[in-house]
């Protein structure tokens, strides 16, 4: 009887215990979720790094510089109208 009790206890711990199979499944699901988030963040970072690279003094894109000056500083000619759209 004692052996069956111990066997039952360990079987329950393996399935429902704090480090059992259910816990491992939850960890796997969290890992998948965080991996997806990491890939999205890496994509955003690559986009921002490309934009920063365009702003370096040795490779300034005139169109980008013009766009940023208009947006941030409000520089426009007298015959131009600037319309701001929210992103």
C-alpha atoms as a PDB file:
ATOM      1  CA  UNK A   1       0.000   0.000   0.000  1.00  0.00           C
ATOM      2  CA  UNK A   2       2.852   2.362   0.815  1.00  0.00           C
ATOM      3  CA  UNK A   3       4.446   1.784  -2.604  1.00  0.00           C
ATOM      4  CA  UNK A   4       1.185   2.567  -4.405  1.00  0.00           C
ATOM      5  CA  UNK A   5       0.786   5.747  -2.373  1.00  0.00           C
ATOM      6  CA  UNK A   6       4.307   6.858  -3.242  1.00  0.00           C
ATOM      7  CA  UNK A   7       3.784   5.956  -6.899  1.00  0.00           C
ATOM      8  CA  UNK A   8       0.548   7.955  -6.957  1.00  0.00           C
ATOM      9  CA  UNK A   9       2.239  10.918  -5.287  1.00  0.00           C
ATOM     10  CA  UNK A  10       5.084  11.008  -7.804  1.00  0.00           C
ATOM     11  CA  UNK A  11       2.721  10.527 -10.743  1.00  0.00           C
ATOM     12  CA  UNK A  12       0.624  13.465  -9.541  1.00  0.00           C
ATOM     13  CA  UNK A  13       3.750  15.609  -9.076  1.00  0.00           C
ATOM     14  CA  UNK A  14       4.906  14.758 -12.600  1.00  0.00           C
ATOM     15  CA  UNK A  15       1.618  15.892 -14.103  1.00  0.00           C
ATOM     16  CA  UNK A  16       0.365  18.693 -11.854  1.00  0.00           C
ATOM     17  CA  UNK A  17       3.298  19.614  -9.638  1.00  0.00           C
ATOM     18  CA  UNK A  18       5.123  22.951  -9.724  1.00  0.00           C
ATOM     19  CA  UNK A  19       7.662  21.580 -12.251  1.00  0.00           C
ATOM     20  CA  UNK A  20       5.451  19.029 -13.988  1.00  0.00           C
ATOM     21  CA  UNK A  21       4.310  18.549 -17.549  1.00  0.00           C
ATOM     22  CA  UNK A  22       1.695  21.325 -17.346  1.00  0.00           C
ATOM     23  CA  UNK A  23       4.341  23.790 -16.220  1.00  0.00           C
ATOM     24  CA  UNK A  24       6.598  22.744 -19.100  1.00  0.00           C
ATOM     25  CA  UNK A  25       3.768  23.255 -21.623  1.00  0.00           C
ATOM     26  CA  UNK A  26       3.151  26.743 -20.261  1.00  0.00           C
ATOM     27  CA  UNK A  27       6.846  27.555 -20.582  1.00  0.00           C
ATOM     28  CA  UNK A  28       6.853  26.366 -24.191  1.00  0.00           C
ATOM     29  CA  UNK A  29       3.838  28.549 -25.014  1.00  0.00           C
ATOM     30  CA  UNK A  30       5.494  31.570 -23.396  1.00  0.00           C
ATOM     31  CA  UNK A  31       8.680  30.902 -25.337  1.00  0.00           C
ATOM     32  CA  UNK A  32       6.771  30.893 -28.627  1.00  0.00           C
ATOM     33  CA  UNK A  33       4.987  34.133 -27.719  1.00  0.00           C
ATOM     34  CA  UNK A  34       8.215  35.874 -26.708  1.00  0.00           C
ATOM     35  CA  UNK A  35      10.002  34.624 -29.827  1.00  0.00           C
ATOM     36  CA  UNK A  36       7.281  36.189 -31.980  1.00  0.00           C
ATOM     37  CA  UNK A  37       7.601  39.472 -30.081  1.00  0.00           C
ATOM     38  CA  UNK A  38      11.379  39.379 -30.443  1.00  0.00           C
ATOM     39  CA  UNK A  39      11.140  38.969 -34.217  1.00  0.00           C
ATOM     40  CA  UNK A  40       8.766  41.953 -34.421  1.00  0.00           C
ATOM     41  CA  UNK A  41      11.112  44.080 -32.324  1.00  0.00           C
ATOM     42  CA  UNK A  42      14.094  43.057 -34.459  1.00  0.00           C
ATOM     43  CA  UNK A  43      12.175  44.147 -37.566  1.00  0.00           C
ATOM     44  CA  UNK A  44      11.420  47.529 -35.996  1.00  0.00           C
ATOM     45  CA  UNK A  45      15.046  47.903 -34.965  1.00  0.00           C
ATOM     46  CA  UNK A  46      16.292  47.153 -38.475  1.00  0.00           C
ATOM     47  CA  UNK A  47      13.904  49.749 -39.880  1.00  0.00           C
ATOM     48  CA  UNK A  48      15.116  52.368 -37.390  1.00  0.00           C
ATOM     49  CA  UNK A  49      18.780  51.512 -38.016  1.00  0.00           C
ATOM     50  CA  UNK A  50      18.250  51.984 -41.762  1.00  0.00           C
ATOM     51  CA  UNK A  51      16.639  55.348 -41.154  1.00  0.00           C
ATOM     52  CA  UNK A  52      19.469  56.444 -38.838  1.00  0.00           C
ATOM     53  CA  UNK A  53      22.022  55.337 -41.430  1.00  0.00           C
ATOM     54  CA  UNK A  54      20.374  57.721 -43.907  1.00  0.00           C
ATOM     55  CA  UNK A  55      20.915  60.606 -41.485  1.00  0.00           C
ATOM     56  CA  UNK A  56      24.672  60.143 -41.077  1.00  0.00           C
ATOM     57  CA  UNK A  57      26.679  63.132 -42.359  1.00  0.00           C
ATOM     58  CA  UNK A  58      28.469  61.126 -45.037  1.00  0.00           C
ATOM     59  CA  UNK A  59      25.216  59.775 -46.540  1.00  0.00           C
ATOM     60  CA  UNK A  60      22.448  62.327 -45.986  1.00  0.00           C
ATOM     61  CA  UNK A  61      19.478  61.804 -48.282  1.00  0.00           C
ATOM     62  CA  UNK A  62      18.322  65.274 -49.415  1.00  0.00           C
ATOM     63  CA  UNK A  63      14.678  64.220 -49.605  1.00  0.00           C
ATOM     64  CA  UNK A  64      14.743  62.803 -46.087  1.00  0.00           C
ATOM     65  CA  UNK A  65      16.450  65.925 -44.771  1.00  0.00           C
ATOM     66  CA  UNK A  66      13.836  68.104 -46.471  1.00  0.00           C
ATOM     67  CA  UNK A  67      11.007  65.982 -45.048  1.00  0.00           C
ATOM     68  CA  UNK A  68      12.384  66.140 -41.506  1.00  0.00           C
ATOM     69  CA  UNK A  69      13.024  69.877 -41.690  1.00  0.00           C
ATOM     70  CA  UNK A  70       9.454  70.493 -42.821  1.00  0.00           C
ATOM     71  CA  UNK A  71       7.984  68.187 -40.199  1.00  0.00           C
ATOM     72  CA  UNK A  72      10.072  69.143 -37.170  1.00  0.00           C
ATOM     73  CA  UNK A  73      11.040  72.745 -37.839  1.00  0.00           C
ATOM     74  CA  UNK A  74       8.131  73.952 -39.942  1.00  0.00           C
ATOM     75  CA  UNK A  75      10.347  75.269 -42.770  1.00  0.00           C
ATOM     76  CA  UNK A  76       8.331  75.853 -45.936  1.00  0.00           C
ATOM     77  CA  UNK A  77       8.359  78.300 -48.813  1.00  0.00           C
ATOM     78  CA  UNK A  78       5.776  81.067 -48.963  1.00  0.00           C
ATOM     79  CA  UNK A  79       3.858  79.349 -51.778  1.00  0.00           C
ATOM     80  CA  UNK A  80       3.639  75.925 -50.063  1.00  0.00           C
ATOM     81  CA  UNK A  81       1.112  74.447 -47.704  1.00  0.00           C
ATOM     82  CA  UNK A  82       2.069  71.665 -45.281  1.00  0.00           C
ATOM     83  CA  UNK A  83      -0.573  69.164 -44.206  1.00  0.00           C
ATOM     84  CA  UNK A  84       0.364  66.879 -41.293  1.00  0.00           C
ATOM     85  CA  UNK A  85      -1.124  63.414 -41.071  1.00  0.00           C
ATOM     86  CA  UNK A  86      -0.992  61.445 -37.846  1.00  0.00           C
ATOM     87  CA  UNK A  87       0.498  57.936 -38.086  1.00  0.00           C
END
